[in-house]
């Protein structure tokens, strides 16, 4: 017999297409509901702040530049806790940490530099002394932005790292 046998399922309705259609409609419906603006779901009181920092090599500069005008217009004083940075706004307050001994100091950006591209910051002699690398000349550091408010940057007193006696 050369008759072609039909499947036993031939008489039953196919359920694949209605199920696939329902799944597709559900997916599209959920995706469409999430397409609303993300701003509608955010709490406007939540502010995301980014902590700016930079890792690299620091150097220091001193006597040769003593009294010369900095980019901020004030004379350079190697005995103040100041620094030169290429891009941060003048008056920015930074925390610089020596990664070799974990000593930190607060400095104010008052100049532009450093000149060598391999360095991220030039510190005054006083800042390098506070960080413990004035004898070496270079040190690996972490530079953290504390603030850019010019009023905050006008420090009336010398800020030294904990444990460093200003009388020494």
C-alpha atoms as a PDB file:
ATOM      1  CA  UNK A   1       0.000   0.000   0.000  1.00  0.00           C
ATOM      2  CA  UNK A   2       1.311   3.287  -1.072  1.00  0.00           C
ATOM      3  CA  UNK A   3      -1.030   5.358   0.966  1.00  0.00           C
ATOM      4  CA  UNK A   4       0.457   8.304   2.826  1.00  0.00           C
ATOM      5  CA  UNK A   5      -0.227   8.021   6.460  1.00  0.00           C
ATOM      6  CA  UNK A   6      -1.394  11.164   8.219  1.00  0.00           C
ATOM      7  CA  UNK A   7      -0.185  12.078  11.645  1.00  0.00           C
ATOM      8  CA  UNK A   8      -2.336  11.320  14.613  1.00  0.00           C
ATOM      9  CA  UNK A   9      -2.057  15.030  15.536  1.00  0.00           C
ATOM     10  CA  UNK A  10      -3.448  16.216  12.209  1.00  0.00           C
ATOM     11  CA  UNK A  11      -6.971  16.550  13.581  1.00  0.00           C
ATOM     12  CA  UNK A  12      -5.927  18.523  16.667  1.00  0.00           C
ATOM     13  CA  UNK A  13      -5.655  22.288  16.536  1.00  0.00           C
ATOM     14  CA  UNK A  14      -2.105  23.598  16.664  1.00  0.00           C
ATOM     15  CA  UNK A  15      -1.400  25.272  19.991  1.00  0.00           C
ATOM     16  CA  UNK A  16       2.069  26.624  19.200  1.00  0.00           C
ATOM     17  CA  UNK A  17       0.970  29.812  17.453  1.00  0.00           C
ATOM     18  CA  UNK A  18      -1.490  31.057  20.082  1.00  0.00           C
ATOM     19  CA  UNK A  19       1.049  30.394  22.872  1.00  0.00           C
ATOM     20  CA  UNK A  20       3.883  32.074  20.936  1.00  0.00           C
ATOM     21  CA  UNK A  21       1.622  35.048  20.236  1.00  0.00           C
ATOM     22  CA  UNK A  22       0.725  35.388  23.919  1.00  0.00           C
ATOM     23  CA  UNK A  23       4.402  35.245  24.949  1.00  0.00           C
ATOM     24  CA  UNK A  24       5.357  37.820  22.310  1.00  0.00           C
ATOM     25  CA  UNK A  25       2.545  40.155  23.381  1.00  0.00           C
ATOM     26  CA  UNK A  26       3.633  39.860  27.016  1.00  0.00           C
ATOM     27  CA  UNK A  27       7.256  40.639  26.170  1.00  0.00           C
ATOM     28  CA  UNK A  28       6.326  43.632  24.062  1.00  0.00           C
ATOM     29  CA  UNK A  29       3.910  44.880  26.704  1.00  0.00           C
ATOM     30  CA  UNK A  30       6.533  44.709  29.466  1.00  0.00           C
ATOM     31  CA  UNK A  31       9.192  46.304  27.257  1.00  0.00           C
ATOM     32  CA  UNK A  32       6.804  49.071  26.313  1.00  0.00           C
ATOM     33  CA  UNK A  33       5.985  49.782  29.949  1.00  0.00           C
ATOM     34  CA  UNK A  34       9.679  50.197  30.758  1.00  0.00           C
ATOM     35  CA  UNK A  35      10.264  52.532  27.848  1.00  0.00           C
ATOM     36  CA  UNK A  36       8.962  55.448  29.918  1.00  0.00           C
ATOM     37  CA  UNK A  37      11.460  58.155  30.771  1.00  0.00           C
ATOM     38  CA  UNK A  38      13.875  57.063  33.520  1.00  0.00           C
ATOM     39  CA  UNK A  39      13.626  60.543  35.022  1.00  0.00           C
ATOM     40  CA  UNK A  40      10.009  59.833  35.988  1.00  0.00           C
ATOM     41  CA  UNK A  41      11.155  57.050  38.311  1.00  0.00           C
ATOM     42  CA  UNK A  42      14.100  58.840  39.939  1.00  0.00           C
ATOM     43  CA  UNK A  43      13.872  60.658  43.229  1.00  0.00           C
ATOM     44  CA  UNK A  44      15.053  64.219  42.474  1.00  0.00           C
ATOM     45  CA  UNK A  45      16.573  64.461  45.976  1.00  0.00           C
ATOM     46  CA  UNK A  46      19.089  61.698  45.283  1.00  0.00           C
ATOM     47  CA  UNK A  47      22.323  63.275  44.083  1.00  0.00           C
ATOM     48  CA  UNK A  48      25.129  61.108  42.786  1.00  0.00           C
ATOM     49  CA  UNK A  49      28.511  62.580  43.535  1.00  0.00           C
ATOM     50  CA  UNK A  50      31.720  61.292  42.035  1.00  0.00           C
ATOM     51  CA  UNK A  51      34.896  61.187  44.044  1.00  0.00           C
ATOM     52  CA  UNK A  52      37.667  62.531  41.795  1.00  0.00           C
ATOM     53  CA  UNK A  53      41.146  61.154  42.341  1.00  0.00           C
ATOM     54  CA  UNK A  54      44.327  60.626  40.366  1.00  0.00           C
ATOM     55  CA  UNK A  55      47.217  58.206  40.841  1.00  0.00           C
ATOM     56  CA  UNK A  56      50.723  58.976  39.616  1.00  0.00           C
ATOM     57  CA  UNK A  57      54.131  60.413  40.383  1.00  0.00           C
ATOM     58  CA  UNK A  58      54.577  63.674  42.287  1.00  0.00           C
ATOM     59  CA  UNK A  59      57.596  65.953  42.246  1.00  0.00           C
ATOM     60  CA  UNK A  60      58.345  69.110  44.181  1.00  0.00           C
ATOM     61  CA  UNK A  61      59.767  72.533  43.425  1.00  0.00           C
ATOM     62  CA  UNK A  62      61.308  75.054  45.744  1.00  0.00           C
ATOM     63  CA  UNK A  63      64.145  77.597  45.993  1.00  0.00           C
ATOM     64  CA  UNK A  64      64.585  78.273  42.266  1.00  0.00           C
ATOM     65  CA  UNK A  65      60.936  79.428  42.011  1.00  0.00           C
ATOM     66  CA  UNK A  66      60.776  81.212  45.385  1.00  0.00           C
ATOM     67  CA  UNK A  67      59.030  84.587  45.002  1.00  0.00           C
ATOM     68  CA  UNK A  68      58.180  84.107  41.313  1.00  0.00           C
ATOM     69  CA  UNK A  69      54.601  84.742  40.245  1.00  0.00           C
ATOM     70  CA  UNK A  70      52.383  81.640  40.025  1.00  0.00           C
ATOM     71  CA  UNK A  71      49.494  81.131  37.610  1.00  0.00           C
ATOM     72  CA  UNK A  72      47.136  82.399  40.316  1.00  0.00           C
ATOM     73  CA  UNK A  73      49.035  85.698  40.476  1.00  0.00           C
ATOM     74  CA  UNK A  74      50.431  85.211  43.969  1.00  0.00           C
ATOM     75  CA  UNK A  75      54.161  84.815  44.599  1.00  0.00           C
ATOM     76  CA  UNK A  76      55.383  81.239  45.035  1.00  0.00           C
ATOM     77  CA  UNK A  77      56.356  80.365  48.605  1.00  0.00           C
ATOM     78  CA  UNK A  78      58.064  77.014  49.037  1.00  0.00           C
ATOM     79  CA  UNK A  79      57.083  77.020  52.721  1.00  0.00           C
ATOM     80  CA  UNK A  80      53.331  77.021  52.023  1.00  0.00           C
ATOM     81  CA  UNK A  81      51.257  73.922  51.276  1.00  0.00           C
ATOM     82  CA  UNK A  82      50.570  74.599  47.606  1.00  0.00           C
ATOM     83  CA  UNK A  83      50.859  72.712  44.343  1.00  0.00           C
ATOM     84  CA  UNK A  84      50.779  72.955  40.573  1.00  0.00           C
ATOM     85  CA  UNK A  85      48.277  70.895  38.580  1.00  0.00           C
ATOM     86  CA  UNK A  86      47.603  70.891  34.834  1.00  0.00           C
ATOM     87  CA  UNK A  87      43.799  70.894  34.774  1.00  0.00           C
ATOM     88  CA  UNK A  88      42.173  71.422  38.176  1.00  0.00           C
ATOM     89  CA  UNK A  89      40.823  74.925  38.814  1.00  0.00           C
ATOM     90  CA  UNK A  90      43.103  77.322  40.655  1.00  0.00           C
ATOM     91  CA  UNK A  91      42.039  77.404  44.293  1.00  0.00           C
ATOM     92  CA  UNK A  92      41.072  73.729  44.375  1.00  0.00           C
ATOM     93  CA  UNK A  93      41.796  72.007  47.662  1.00  0.00           C
ATOM     94  CA  UNK A  94      43.468  68.603  47.360  1.00  0.00           C
ATOM     95  CA  UNK A  95      44.458  65.808  49.675  1.00  0.00           C
ATOM     96  CA  UNK A  96      47.731  64.256  48.503  1.00  0.00           C
ATOM     97  CA  UNK A  97      48.786  60.899  49.959  1.00  0.00           C
ATOM     98  CA  UNK A  98      52.270  59.409  49.610  1.00  0.00           C
ATOM     99  CA  UNK A  99      51.581  55.775  48.677  1.00  0.00           C
ATOM    100  CA  UNK A 100      54.938  54.616  50.051  1.00  0.00           C
ATOM    101  CA  UNK A 101      54.409  55.758  53.654  1.00  0.00           C
ATOM    102  CA  UNK A 102      50.666  56.631  53.693  1.00  0.00           C
ATOM    103  CA  UNK A 103      51.301  60.223  54.881  1.00  0.00           C
ATOM    104  CA  UNK A 104      48.821  62.839  53.662  1.00  0.00           C
ATOM    105  CA  UNK A 105      48.752  66.604  53.339  1.00  0.00           C
ATOM    106  CA  UNK A 106      46.145  69.178  52.266  1.00  0.00           C
ATOM    107  CA  UNK A 107      47.323  71.553  49.517  1.00  0.00           C
ATOM    108  CA  UNK A 108      45.838  74.336  47.394  1.00  0.00           C
ATOM    109  CA  UNK A 109      46.299  74.516  43.604  1.00  0.00           C
ATOM    110  CA  UNK A 110      47.886  77.898  42.840  1.00  0.00           C
ATOM    111  CA  UNK A 111      50.002  77.124  39.768  1.00  0.00           C
ATOM    112  CA  UNK A 112      50.071  75.147  36.521  1.00  0.00           C
ATOM    113  CA  UNK A 113      52.318  72.174  35.907  1.00  0.00           C
ATOM    114  CA  UNK A 114      54.150  69.869  36.239  1.00  0.00           C
ATOM    115  CA  UNK A 115      56.134  70.189  33.049  1.00  0.00           C
ATOM    116  CA  UNK A 116      57.153  66.506  32.666  1.00  0.00           C
ATOM    117  CA  UNK A 117      54.186  64.528  31.288  1.00  0.00           C
ATOM    118  CA  UNK A 118      55.132  61.542  33.469  1.00  0.00           C
ATOM    119  CA  UNK A 119      54.118  63.435  36.642  1.00  0.00           C
ATOM    120  CA  UNK A 120      50.632  64.294  37.862  1.00  0.00           C
ATOM    121  CA  UNK A 121      51.403  67.058  40.379  1.00  0.00           C
ATOM    122  CA  UNK A 122      54.187  69.409  41.499  1.00  0.00           C
ATOM    123  CA  UNK A 123      54.180  70.124  45.220  1.00  0.00           C
ATOM    124  CA  UNK A 124      55.831  72.890  47.161  1.00  0.00           C
ATOM    125  CA  UNK A 125      58.873  71.926  49.233  1.00  0.00           C
ATOM    126  CA  UNK A 126      56.782  72.164  52.430  1.00  0.00           C
ATOM    127  CA  UNK A 127      54.200  69.707  51.064  1.00  0.00           C
ATOM    128  CA  UNK A 128      56.929  67.300  49.904  1.00  0.00           C
ATOM    129  CA  UNK A 129      58.570  67.558  53.335  1.00  0.00           C
ATOM    130  CA  UNK A 130      55.235  66.803  55.042  1.00  0.00           C
ATOM    131  CA  UNK A 131      54.807  63.764  52.783  1.00  0.00           C
ATOM    132  CA  UNK A 132      58.349  62.606  53.531  1.00  0.00           C
ATOM    133  CA  UNK A 133      59.868  62.676  50.051  1.00  0.00           C
ATOM    134  CA  UNK A 134      61.715  65.993  49.893  1.00  0.00           C
ATOM    135  CA  UNK A 135      65.025  64.081  49.898  1.00  0.00           C
ATOM    136  CA  UNK A 136      64.057  61.748  47.032  1.00  0.00           C
ATOM    137  CA  UNK A 137      62.416  64.305  44.760  1.00  0.00           C
ATOM    138  CA  UNK A 138      59.719  61.938  43.435  1.00  0.00           C
ATOM    139  CA  UNK A 139      57.048  59.775  45.042  1.00  0.00           C
ATOM    140  CA  UNK A 140      53.995  57.751  44.002  1.00  0.00           C
ATOM    141  CA  UNK A 141      50.889  59.596  45.204  1.00  0.00           C
ATOM    142  CA  UNK A 142      47.118  59.615  45.232  1.00  0.00           C
ATOM    143  CA  UNK A 143      45.617  63.066  44.595  1.00  0.00           C
ATOM    144  CA  UNK A 144      42.030  63.552  45.804  1.00  0.00           C
ATOM    145  CA  UNK A 145      39.850  66.575  45.135  1.00  0.00           C
ATOM    146  CA  UNK A 146      38.374  67.901  48.376  1.00  0.00           C
ATOM    147  CA  UNK A 147      36.807  71.080  47.023  1.00  0.00           C
ATOM    148  CA  UNK A 148      36.911  73.792  44.404  1.00  0.00           C
ATOM    149  CA  UNK A 149      35.311  76.575  46.426  1.00  0.00           C
ATOM    150  CA  UNK A 150      37.695  79.574  46.368  1.00  0.00           C
ATOM    151  CA  UNK A 151      36.639  80.602  49.900  1.00  0.00           C
ATOM    152  CA  UNK A 152      37.589  77.140  51.208  1.00  0.00           C
ATOM    153  CA  UNK A 153      40.923  77.406  49.434  1.00  0.00           C
ATOM    154  CA  UNK A 154      41.936  80.549  51.334  1.00  0.00           C
ATOM    155  CA  UNK A 155      43.547  78.760  54.242  1.00  0.00           C
ATOM    156  CA  UNK A 156      44.502  81.041  57.108  1.00  0.00           C
ATOM    157  CA  UNK A 157      46.723  78.505  58.808  1.00  0.00           C
ATOM    158  CA  UNK A 158      49.143  75.804  57.850  1.00  0.00           C
ATOM    159  CA  UNK A 159      47.479  72.377  57.757  1.00  0.00           C
ATOM    160  CA  UNK A 160      49.893  69.602  58.571  1.00  0.00           C
ATOM    161  CA  UNK A 161      49.364  65.854  58.583  1.00  0.00           C
ATOM    162  CA  UNK A 162      48.674  64.272  61.958  1.00  0.00           C
ATOM    163  CA  UNK A 163      51.814  63.673  63.967  1.00  0.00           C
ATOM    164  CA  UNK A 164      53.931  66.363  62.265  1.00  0.00           C
ATOM    165  CA  UNK A 165      55.027  69.057  64.709  1.00  0.00           C
ATOM    166  CA  UNK A 166      55.000  72.562  63.100  1.00  0.00           C
ATOM    167  CA  UNK A 167      57.829  73.656  65.439  1.00  0.00           C
ATOM    168  CA  UNK A 168      60.276  71.246  63.822  1.00  0.00           C
END
